[in-house]
Amino acid sequence: MGRHRHACCDGVNDVPALAAALRTLQRAFAAELTPAQAAAAAAGARARRAELVYLRRAVT
C-alpha cells in the first residue's frame, strides 16, 4: 500500500509550508468574520457585544 502525503508535508521543508498554510487559513477567517465575530473569538461575549452595531431611529 502506498502512503498518502499532503502537498504541504514533503518531509524536506515542512515548517515553511505549514506556516504558509496557517497564514492562508488566518486570512480566510479574517475575510469572512464580522468585527463582532472576530472579537468574540478573541475575547468572548463581552467583546462581541462591544463591537455590535446598534441602529438608532430618528426622533420623530
Protein backbone atom coordinates (compact mmCIF):
# COMPACT_ATOMS: atom_id res chain seq x y z
CA MET A 1 0.00 0.00 0.00
CA GLY A 2 1.19 3.48 -0.83
CA ARG A 3 1.44 6.16 1.79
CA HIS A 4 -0.57 9.34 1.38
CA ARG A 5 1.26 12.61 1.91
CA HIS A 6 -0.21 16.06 1.94
CA ALA A 7 1.24 18.50 -0.55
CA CYS A 8 2.47 20.72 2.29
CA CYS A 9 4.35 17.91 4.04
CA ASP A 10 7.05 16.69 1.68
CA GLY A 11 9.42 15.75 4.51
CA VAL A 12 12.00 18.33 3.47
CA ASN A 13 10.52 21.77 4.15
CA ASP A 14 7.55 21.06 6.40
CA VAL A 15 7.81 24.18 8.57
CA PRO A 16 7.62 26.91 5.88
CA ALA A 17 4.81 25.12 4.05
CA LEU A 18 2.77 24.66 7.23
CA ALA A 19 3.36 28.28 8.23
CA ALA A 20 2.10 29.40 4.82
CA ALA A 21 -0.95 27.16 5.16
CA LEU A 22 -1.68 28.60 8.61
CA ARG A 23 -1.42 32.17 7.32
CA THR A 24 -3.76 31.33 4.43
CA LEU A 25 -6.28 29.92 6.90
CA GLN A 26 -5.99 33.01 9.09
CA ARG A 27 -6.61 35.30 6.09
CA ALA A 28 -9.67 33.26 5.12
CA PHE A 29 -11.15 33.59 8.62
CA ALA A 30 -10.39 37.32 8.77
CA ALA A 31 -12.11 37.86 5.44
CA GLU A 32 -15.29 36.04 6.46
CA LEU A 33 -15.79 37.13 10.08
CA THR A 34 -17.54 40.33 11.06
CA PRO A 35 -15.71 42.54 13.57
CA ALA A 36 -18.11 41.33 16.29
CA GLN A 37 -17.47 37.66 15.46
CA ALA A 38 -13.71 38.22 15.46
CA ALA A 39 -13.91 39.97 18.84
CA ALA A 40 -15.98 37.11 20.25
CA ALA A 41 -13.43 34.56 19.06
CA ALA A 42 -10.56 36.54 20.55
CA ALA A 43 -12.04 37.80 23.82
CA GLY A 44 -15.51 36.41 24.42
CA ALA A 45 -19.11 37.55 24.52
CA ARG A 46 -18.47 40.88 26.23
CA ALA A 47 -16.06 41.91 23.47
CA ARG A 48 -18.61 40.77 20.85
CA ARG A 49 -21.30 42.97 22.35
CA ALA A 50 -18.90 45.92 22.37
CA GLU A 51 -18.39 45.52 18.61
CA LEU A 52 -22.06 45.12 17.65
CA VAL A 53 -23.73 47.83 15.62
CA TYR A 54 -26.84 49.31 17.14
CA LEU A 55 -29.07 51.22 14.77
CA ARG A 56 -30.87 54.25 16.12
CA ARG A 57 -34.17 55.59 14.91
CA ALA A 58 -34.51 59.25 14.16
CA VAL A 59 -36.53 61.16 16.71
CA THR A 60 -39.92 61.99 15.25
